[in-house]
Amino acid sequence: MLILSRKPGESLIIDGRITVKVVRLDGDVVKLGIEAPGDVPVHREEVYLEIQRNNQQALAPGRIPLPRLPSKSAATAPV
């Protein structure tokens, strides 16, 4: 792990495409600003881990299949 010291207003650049800036210090909380291209997902760690957990569960065998929606032709047929 690379450990860097930055003061409020200072930044670091990752891969020439992502800028992480220390915006403000509020007590023991650091406020960061992140500029990244739209194709680079940026998540808080707990959100990222939840996404990974959900993806793994979706791949697990033995899941109950979701019910099928009626076909478009059946849904638009007059009653």
N, C-alpha and C. Protein backbone atom coordinates (compact mmCIF):
# COMPACT_ATOMS: atom_id res chain seq x y z
N MET A 1 0.84 -1.18 0.00
CA MET A 1 0.00 0.00 0.00
C MET A 1 0.89 1.24 0.00
N LEU A 2 0.57 2.14 -0.89
CA LEU A 2 1.28 3.42 -0.95
C LEU A 2 0.60 4.38 0.03
N ILE A 3 1.36 5.02 0.88
CA ILE A 3 0.82 5.98 1.83
C ILE A 3 1.41 7.35 1.51
N LEU A 4 0.52 8.32 1.28
CA LEU A 4 0.94 9.67 0.93
C LEU A 4 0.36 10.65 1.94
N SER A 5 1.05 11.75 2.15
CA SER A 5 0.52 12.84 2.97
C SER A 5 0.06 13.95 2.03
N ARG A 6 -1.14 14.44 2.25
CA ARG A 6 -1.69 15.54 1.47
C ARG A 6 -2.38 16.49 2.43
N LYS A 7 -2.33 17.76 2.11
CA LYS A 7 -3.02 18.79 2.88
C LYS A 7 -4.29 19.17 2.14
N PRO A 8 -5.25 19.79 2.84
CA PRO A 8 -6.46 20.25 2.13
C PRO A 8 -6.08 21.11 0.93
N GLY A 9 -6.75 20.83 -0.19
CA GLY A 9 -6.47 21.53 -1.44
C GLY A 9 -5.45 20.82 -2.32
N GLU A 10 -4.71 19.87 -1.76
CA GLU A 10 -3.72 19.13 -2.55
C GLU A 10 -4.36 17.88 -3.15
N SER A 11 -3.78 17.43 -4.26
CA SER A 11 -4.34 16.30 -5.00
C SER A 11 -3.29 15.25 -5.27
N LEU A 12 -3.76 14.11 -5.76
CA LEU A 12 -2.89 13.11 -6.35
C LEU A 12 -3.59 12.62 -7.61
N ILE A 13 -2.80 12.16 -8.55
CA ILE A 13 -3.33 11.73 -9.84
C ILE A 13 -2.98 10.26 -10.04
N ILE A 14 -3.98 9.49 -10.45
CA ILE A 14 -3.82 8.06 -10.67
C ILE A 14 -3.97 7.78 -12.15
N ASP A 15 -2.97 7.17 -12.74
CA ASP A 15 -3.00 6.74 -14.13
C ASP A 15 -3.26 7.89 -15.10
N GLY A 16 -2.99 9.11 -14.70
CA GLY A 16 -3.19 10.25 -15.57
C GLY A 16 -4.64 10.55 -15.88
N ARG A 17 -5.58 9.81 -15.29
CA ARG A 17 -7.00 9.96 -15.60
C ARG A 17 -7.86 10.25 -14.38
N ILE A 18 -7.37 9.92 -13.21
CA ILE A 18 -8.18 10.04 -11.99
C ILE A 18 -7.47 11.00 -11.04
N THR A 19 -8.20 12.01 -10.59
CA THR A 19 -7.65 12.97 -9.63
C THR A 19 -8.40 12.83 -8.32
N VAL A 20 -7.65 12.69 -7.25
CA VAL A 20 -8.22 12.62 -5.90
C VAL A 20 -7.71 13.83 -5.15
N LYS A 21 -8.62 14.67 -4.69
CA LYS A 21 -8.25 15.92 -4.03
C LYS A 21 -8.77 15.92 -2.60
N VAL A 22 -7.92 16.33 -1.66
CA VAL A 22 -8.37 16.51 -0.28
C VAL A 22 -9.12 17.84 -0.25
N VAL A 23 -10.42 17.76 -0.03
CA VAL A 23 -11.26 18.95 -0.07
C VAL A 23 -11.28 19.63 1.29
N ARG A 24 -11.46 18.81 2.35
CA ARG A 24 -11.63 19.41 3.68
C ARG A 24 -11.38 18.36 4.74
N LEU A 25 -10.97 18.80 5.90
CA LEU A 25 -10.85 17.95 7.09
C LEU A 25 -11.92 18.38 8.08
N ASP A 26 -12.77 17.46 8.51
CA ASP A 26 -13.78 17.73 9.52
C ASP A 26 -13.52 16.81 10.70
N GLY A 27 -12.72 17.27 11.64
CA GLY A 27 -12.36 16.41 12.77
C GLY A 27 -11.53 15.24 12.27
N ASP A 28 -12.04 14.02 12.50
CA ASP A 28 -11.31 12.84 12.04
C ASP A 28 -11.83 12.32 10.70
N VAL A 29 -12.63 13.13 10.00
CA VAL A 29 -13.17 12.76 8.70
C VAL A 29 -12.47 13.57 7.61
N VAL A 30 -12.03 12.88 6.58
CA VAL A 30 -11.39 13.53 5.44
C VAL A 30 -12.40 13.57 4.30
N LYS A 31 -12.66 14.73 3.75
CA LYS A 31 -13.55 14.88 2.60
C LYS A 31 -12.70 14.86 1.34
N LEU A 32 -12.99 13.92 0.45
CA LEU A 32 -12.22 13.76 -0.78
C LEU A 32 -13.09 14.11 -1.98
N GLY A 33 -12.50 14.74 -2.96
CA GLY A 33 -13.15 14.95 -4.25
C GLY A 33 -12.46 14.06 -5.26
N ILE A 34 -13.25 13.37 -6.09
CA ILE A 34 -12.69 12.44 -7.06
C ILE A 34 -13.20 12.80 -8.45
N GLU A 35 -12.27 13.02 -9.36
CA GLU A 35 -12.61 13.25 -10.77
C GLU A 35 -12.10 12.05 -11.55
N ALA A 36 -13.04 11.36 -12.22
CA ALA A 36 -12.67 10.18 -13.00
C ALA A 36 -13.54 10.13 -14.25
N PRO A 37 -13.03 9.51 -15.31
CA PRO A 37 -13.85 9.36 -16.51
C PRO A 37 -15.12 8.58 -16.20
N GLY A 38 -16.15 8.79 -17.01
CA GLY A 38 -17.43 8.13 -16.79
C GLY A 38 -17.36 6.61 -16.84
N ASP A 39 -16.36 6.05 -17.53
CA ASP A 39 -16.26 4.60 -17.64
C ASP A 39 -15.51 3.98 -16.46
N VAL A 40 -15.10 4.79 -15.49
CA VAL A 40 -14.41 4.28 -14.31
C VAL A 40 -15.38 4.33 -13.13
N PRO A 41 -15.86 3.17 -12.66
CA PRO A 41 -16.77 3.19 -11.52
C PRO A 41 -16.03 3.61 -10.25
N VAL A 42 -16.68 4.45 -9.46
CA VAL A 42 -16.11 4.89 -8.18
C VAL A 42 -17.17 4.62 -7.11
N HIS A 43 -16.83 3.79 -6.14
CA HIS A 43 -17.76 3.42 -5.07
C HIS A 43 -17.07 3.53 -3.72
N ARG A 44 -17.86 3.80 -2.69
CA ARG A 44 -17.36 3.62 -1.33
C ARG A 44 -17.12 2.13 -1.14
N GLU A 45 -16.17 1.77 -0.29
CA GLU A 45 -15.80 0.36 -0.14
C GLU A 45 -16.99 -0.50 0.25
N GLU A 46 -17.82 -0.04 1.18
CA GLU A 46 -18.94 -0.87 1.63
C GLU A 46 -19.96 -1.09 0.50
N VAL A 47 -20.13 -0.12 -0.38
CA VAL A 47 -21.03 -0.28 -1.53
C VAL A 47 -20.42 -1.27 -2.52
N TYR A 48 -19.14 -1.13 -2.79
CA TYR A 48 -18.44 -2.04 -3.71
C TYR A 48 -18.54 -3.48 -3.22
N LEU A 49 -18.32 -3.69 -1.92
CA LEU A 49 -18.38 -5.05 -1.37
C LEU A 49 -19.79 -5.62 -1.48
N GLU A 50 -20.80 -4.80 -1.27
CA GLU A 50 -22.19 -5.26 -1.41
C GLU A 50 -22.50 -5.64 -2.85
N ILE A 51 -22.01 -4.86 -3.79
CA ILE A 51 -22.19 -5.19 -5.21
C ILE A 51 -21.53 -6.53 -5.53
N GLN A 52 -20.32 -6.72 -5.05
CA GLN A 52 -19.62 -7.99 -5.28
C GLN A 52 -20.36 -9.16 -4.65
N ARG A 53 -20.87 -8.98 -3.43
CA ARG A 53 -21.61 -10.03 -2.73
C ARG A 53 -22.88 -10.39 -3.53
N ASN A 54 -23.60 -9.37 -4.00
CA ASN A 54 -24.81 -9.62 -4.79
C ASN A 54 -24.49 -10.33 -6.10
N ASN A 55 -23.40 -9.95 -6.74
CA ASN A 55 -23.01 -10.61 -7.99
C ASN A 55 -22.67 -12.08 -7.74
N GLN A 56 -21.98 -12.38 -6.65
CA GLN A 56 -21.65 -13.77 -6.33
C GLN A 56 -22.91 -14.58 -6.04
N GLN A 57 -23.85 -13.98 -5.32
CA GLN A 57 -25.11 -14.69 -5.03
C GLN A 57 -25.89 -14.95 -6.31
N ALA A 58 -25.85 -14.01 -7.24
CA ALA A 58 -26.58 -14.18 -8.50
C ALA A 58 -26.00 -15.33 -9.32
N LEU A 59 -24.71 -15.62 -9.15
CA LEU A 59 -24.07 -16.70 -9.89
C LEU A 59 -24.20 -18.05 -9.20
N ALA A 60 -24.62 -18.06 -7.95
CA ALA A 60 -24.68 -19.29 -7.17
C ALA A 60 -25.75 -20.23 -7.73
N PRO A 61 -25.42 -21.53 -7.86
CA PRO A 61 -26.43 -22.49 -8.33
C PRO A 61 -27.52 -22.69 -7.28
N GLY A 62 -28.66 -23.14 -7.73
CA GLY A 62 -29.74 -23.44 -6.79
C GLY A 62 -30.61 -22.25 -6.46
N ARG A 63 -30.45 -21.17 -7.21
CA ARG A 63 -31.31 -20.01 -6.97
C ARG A 63 -32.71 -20.33 -7.46
N ILE A 64 -33.69 -19.70 -6.85
CA ILE A 64 -35.06 -19.83 -7.31
C ILE A 64 -35.20 -18.94 -8.55
N PRO A 65 -35.68 -19.50 -9.66
CA PRO A 65 -35.80 -18.66 -10.86
C PRO A 65 -36.85 -17.58 -10.69
N LEU A 66 -36.62 -16.45 -11.31
CA LEU A 66 -37.59 -15.36 -11.27
C LEU A 66 -38.79 -15.72 -12.14
N PRO A 67 -39.98 -15.26 -11.76
CA PRO A 67 -41.15 -15.54 -12.61
C PRO A 67 -41.01 -14.83 -13.95
N ARG A 68 -41.54 -15.43 -14.99
CA ARG A 68 -41.47 -14.83 -16.32
C ARG A 68 -42.62 -13.85 -16.49
N LEU A 69 -42.34 -12.75 -17.16
CA LEU A 69 -43.38 -11.79 -17.50
C LEU A 69 -44.15 -12.32 -18.70
N PRO A 70 -45.42 -11.94 -18.84
CA PRO A 70 -46.15 -12.39 -20.02
C PRO A 70 -45.50 -11.83 -21.28
N SER A 71 -45.65 -12.57 -22.39
CA SER A 71 -45.05 -12.09 -23.63
C SER A 71 -45.72 -10.79 -24.05
N LYS A 72 -45.02 -10.02 -24.86
CA LYS A 72 -45.54 -8.73 -25.29
C LYS A 72 -46.87 -8.88 -26.03
N SER A 73 -46.99 -9.90 -26.86
CA SER A 73 -48.22 -10.10 -27.62
C SER A 73 -49.39 -10.42 -26.70
N ALA A 74 -49.16 -11.19 -25.64
CA ALA A 74 -50.23 -11.53 -24.69
C ALA A 74 -50.62 -10.30 -23.87
N ALA A 75 -49.64 -9.45 -23.59
CA ALA A 75 -49.91 -8.27 -22.76
C ALA A 75 -50.70 -7.22 -23.53
N THR A 76 -50.57 -7.19 -24.86
CA THR A 76 -51.26 -6.17 -25.66
C THR A 76 -52.52 -6.68 -26.32
N ALA A 77 -52.86 -7.98 -26.15
CA ALA A 77 -54.05 -8.55 -26.77
C ALA A 77 -55.29 -7.94 -26.14
N PRO A 78 -56.31 -7.58 -26.95
CA PRO A 78 -57.54 -7.01 -26.39
C PRO A 78 -58.29 -8.04 -25.56
N VAL A 79 -59.00 -7.55 -24.58
CA VAL A 79 -59.73 -8.44 -23.67
C VAL A 79 -61.15 -8.57 -24.10
